[in-house]
């Protein structure tokens, strides 16, 4: 009986070690590899719906690889007055490129974008958000990105708050995991 107690304590210590290791691995994965996000607004509809749950990868950002036009990114909301700390939007242009809005369409460096994912027309937000100071054409500063929601008539995006610092990008969206009937990649 005396030998049973040390064996039981050793087994408890082993289980605690496994639990601590598992928590450390989960924390590291969440901090440096992949993180789950819930979409707070309808600004990306129909591509992404309110309440969709997404996985965003962080590895490419940590390796210093820049985001590209077309990527869907998760970033810190530059609008401090908003109820939403993070936003999910599509990258339209990167540092050095010029964005213009003409006739409800988006032009980057003089080329009209083909945007089958976008719903609604792309107008400057001066009509929707009085006091907005972003004017067009707009040249994106180096180290920044221009983002827009796919739901163009219901999105507070770079038209509202200007270009987004690349350092505020937390992840690049790689897939939707909820709801299950829409499980898969997001483009």
Protein backbone atom coordinates (compact mmCIF):
# COMPACT_ATOMS: atom_id res chain seq x y z
CA UNK A 1 0.00 0.00 0.00
CA UNK A 2 2.86 2.42 0.69
CA UNK A 3 4.03 2.17 -2.96
CA UNK A 4 0.56 2.98 -4.31
CA UNK A 5 0.58 6.59 -3.12
CA UNK A 6 3.82 7.66 -4.91
CA UNK A 7 2.63 5.90 -8.07
CA UNK A 8 -0.70 7.75 -7.89
CA UNK A 9 1.08 11.10 -7.31
CA UNK A 10 3.36 10.39 -10.27
CA UNK A 11 0.32 9.64 -12.46
CA UNK A 12 -1.41 12.86 -11.36
CA UNK A 13 1.79 14.82 -12.07
CA UNK A 14 2.02 13.25 -15.54
CA UNK A 15 -1.59 14.19 -16.31
CA UNK A 16 -1.02 17.75 -15.08
CA UNK A 17 2.05 17.92 -17.32
CA UNK A 18 0.01 16.76 -20.31
CA UNK A 19 -2.69 19.35 -19.57
CA UNK A 20 -0.15 22.18 -19.16
CA UNK A 21 1.64 21.14 -22.37
CA UNK A 22 -1.67 20.98 -24.24
CA UNK A 23 -2.61 24.47 -23.03
CA UNK A 24 0.82 25.82 -24.04
CA UNK A 25 0.51 24.30 -27.52
CA UNK A 26 -3.03 25.72 -27.93
CA UNK A 27 -1.83 29.15 -26.82
CA UNK A 28 1.14 29.05 -29.22
CA UNK A 29 -1.04 27.95 -32.13
CA UNK A 30 -3.54 30.75 -31.42
CA UNK A 31 -0.83 33.38 -30.99
CA UNK A 32 1.44 32.47 -33.90
CA UNK A 33 -0.23 30.09 -36.37
CA UNK A 34 -4.02 30.20 -36.67
CA UNK A 35 -6.83 31.96 -34.83
CA UNK A 36 -10.60 31.72 -34.90
CA UNK A 37 -12.69 34.85 -35.51
CA UNK A 38 -16.40 35.60 -35.54
CA UNK A 39 -17.59 38.12 -38.14
CA UNK A 40 -19.34 41.04 -36.39
CA UNK A 41 -20.97 42.88 -39.30
CA UNK A 42 -22.60 42.39 -42.69
CA UNK A 43 -19.97 44.41 -44.55
CA UNK A 44 -18.61 41.32 -46.37
CA UNK A 45 -22.00 39.87 -47.41
CA UNK A 46 -22.58 37.76 -49.53
CA UNK A 47 -19.03 36.37 -49.31
CA UNK A 48 -19.11 36.21 -45.50
CA UNK A 49 -22.28 36.50 -43.41
CA UNK A 50 -22.78 38.02 -39.94
CA UNK A 51 -21.87 35.39 -37.36
CA UNK A 52 -19.73 33.27 -39.72
CA UNK A 53 -16.73 31.82 -37.95
CA UNK A 54 -13.43 31.93 -39.77
CA UNK A 55 -9.87 30.74 -39.35
CA UNK A 56 -7.16 33.28 -40.08
CA UNK A 57 -3.55 32.25 -40.53
CA UNK A 58 -0.73 34.32 -39.03
CA UNK A 59 2.40 32.51 -40.23
CA UNK A 60 2.86 34.46 -43.47
CA UNK A 61 2.51 37.76 -41.60
CA UNK A 62 5.05 36.69 -38.97
CA UNK A 63 7.44 35.71 -41.77
CA UNK A 64 7.16 39.26 -43.12
CA UNK A 65 5.25 38.35 -46.25
CA UNK A 66 2.97 41.20 -47.33
CA UNK A 67 -0.74 40.80 -47.92
CA UNK A 68 -1.93 41.01 -51.52
CA UNK A 69 -4.86 42.54 -53.32
CA UNK A 70 -7.77 40.12 -53.08
CA UNK A 71 -6.77 38.72 -49.66
CA UNK A 72 -9.44 38.87 -46.97
CA UNK A 73 -7.82 40.10 -43.77
CA UNK A 74 -8.64 40.54 -40.11
CA UNK A 75 -7.30 43.79 -38.64
CA UNK A 76 -7.63 46.13 -35.67
CA UNK A 77 -10.39 48.64 -36.27
CA UNK A 78 -8.82 52.09 -36.78
CA UNK A 79 -12.13 53.72 -35.77
CA UNK A 80 -11.89 54.02 -32.01
CA UNK A 81 -15.55 55.02 -31.73
CA UNK A 82 -16.83 51.69 -33.10
CA UNK A 83 -18.29 48.83 -31.08
CA UNK A 84 -16.12 46.38 -33.05
CA UNK A 85 -12.45 45.93 -32.12
CA UNK A 86 -11.62 43.88 -35.21
CA UNK A 87 -12.87 44.04 -38.78
CA UNK A 88 -12.80 41.65 -41.73
CA UNK A 89 -12.38 43.24 -45.17
CA UNK A 90 -10.87 42.55 -48.59
CA UNK A 91 -7.53 44.11 -49.61
CA UNK A 92 -8.10 46.22 -52.72
CA UNK A 93 -4.72 47.95 -53.03
CA UNK A 94 -1.33 48.03 -51.33
CA UNK A 95 1.28 50.71 -50.66
CA UNK A 96 2.07 52.93 -53.65
CA UNK A 97 -1.08 52.05 -55.60
CA UNK A 98 -3.73 54.63 -56.41
CA UNK A 99 -7.41 53.92 -55.77
CA UNK A 100 -10.17 55.81 -57.52
CA UNK A 101 -13.95 55.43 -57.42
CA UNK A 102 -15.75 56.34 -60.65
CA UNK A 103 -19.31 55.61 -61.65
CA UNK A 104 -19.80 53.11 -58.82
CA UNK A 105 -16.70 51.10 -59.79
CA UNK A 106 -13.23 50.74 -58.23
CA UNK A 107 -10.11 51.56 -60.22
CA UNK A 108 -6.58 50.71 -59.06
CA UNK A 109 -3.74 52.41 -60.93
CA UNK A 110 -6.22 53.39 -63.66
CA UNK A 111 -7.52 49.84 -64.23
CA UNK A 112 -11.16 49.05 -63.45
CA UNK A 113 -11.34 46.06 -61.09
CA UNK A 114 -13.37 43.00 -62.03
CA UNK A 115 -15.11 42.29 -58.72
CA UNK A 116 -17.62 39.44 -59.03
CA UNK A 117 -17.64 39.14 -55.22
CA UNK A 118 -18.85 42.72 -54.64
CA UNK A 119 -22.50 43.60 -54.16
CA UNK A 120 -23.77 47.12 -54.66
CA UNK A 121 -21.90 50.03 -56.13
CA UNK A 122 -18.66 51.53 -54.86
CA UNK A 123 -19.18 55.20 -54.13
CA UNK A 124 -17.16 57.54 -51.94
CA UNK A 125 -18.67 57.65 -48.46
CA UNK A 126 -18.98 61.43 -48.45
CA UNK A 127 -22.65 60.94 -49.33
CA UNK A 128 -23.18 58.34 -46.58
CA UNK A 129 -20.83 59.60 -43.86
CA UNK A 130 -20.72 63.40 -43.71
CA UNK A 131 -17.42 64.60 -42.32
CA UNK A 132 -15.41 61.86 -44.01
CA UNK A 133 -12.13 63.33 -45.24
CA UNK A 134 -10.95 60.61 -47.66
CA UNK A 135 -10.92 61.98 -51.22
CA UNK A 136 -10.16 60.39 -54.59
CA UNK A 137 -7.98 59.51 -56.33
CA UNK A 138 -6.18 58.23 -53.20
CA UNK A 139 -2.60 56.96 -53.21
CA UNK A 140 -2.05 54.31 -50.55
CA UNK A 141 1.04 55.14 -48.45
CA UNK A 142 3.84 52.57 -48.24
CA UNK A 143 3.28 50.20 -45.32
CA UNK A 144 -0.50 50.56 -45.61
CA UNK A 145 -3.34 48.76 -47.41
CA UNK A 146 -6.68 49.88 -48.81
CA UNK A 147 -9.54 47.62 -47.67
CA UNK A 148 -13.20 47.47 -48.63
CA UNK A 149 -16.13 45.31 -47.65
CA UNK A 150 -17.71 43.23 -50.40
CA UNK A 151 -21.10 44.68 -49.42
CA UNK A 152 -20.17 48.08 -50.84
CA UNK A 153 -23.29 49.93 -49.81
CA UNK A 154 -23.07 48.76 -46.19
CA UNK A 155 -19.41 48.86 -45.21
CA UNK A 156 -17.40 51.27 -43.12
CA UNK A 157 -14.02 50.66 -44.74
CA UNK A 158 -11.04 52.59 -46.13
CA UNK A 159 -13.49 54.97 -47.82
CA UNK A 160 -14.44 55.95 -44.26
CA UNK A 161 -11.21 55.65 -42.23
CA UNK A 162 -8.50 55.73 -44.91
CA UNK A 163 -5.70 53.26 -45.49
CA UNK A 164 -4.95 50.65 -42.81
CA UNK A 165 -1.49 50.18 -41.35
CA UNK A 166 -0.15 46.74 -42.36
CA UNK A 167 1.01 46.30 -38.74
CA UNK A 168 -2.63 46.24 -37.62
CA UNK A 169 -3.37 43.15 -39.74
CA UNK A 170 -3.80 40.17 -37.41
CA UNK A 171 -4.46 37.36 -39.89
CA UNK A 172 -5.31 36.40 -43.45
CA UNK A 173 -8.60 34.50 -43.69
CA UNK A 174 -8.13 30.96 -44.99
CA UNK A 175 -11.44 29.25 -44.34
CA UNK A 176 -14.91 29.33 -42.80
CA UNK A 177 -15.58 26.61 -40.25
CA UNK A 178 -19.09 27.65 -39.20
CA UNK A 179 -21.86 27.27 -40.22
CA UNK A 180 -21.18 23.76 -41.42
CA UNK A 181 -23.30 24.11 -44.55
CA UNK A 182 -20.87 26.82 -45.72
CA UNK A 183 -17.68 25.09 -44.48
CA UNK A 184 -14.64 25.65 -46.67
CA UNK A 185 -12.41 28.23 -48.30
CA UNK A 186 -13.38 31.88 -48.58
CA UNK A 187 -12.61 33.80 -51.77
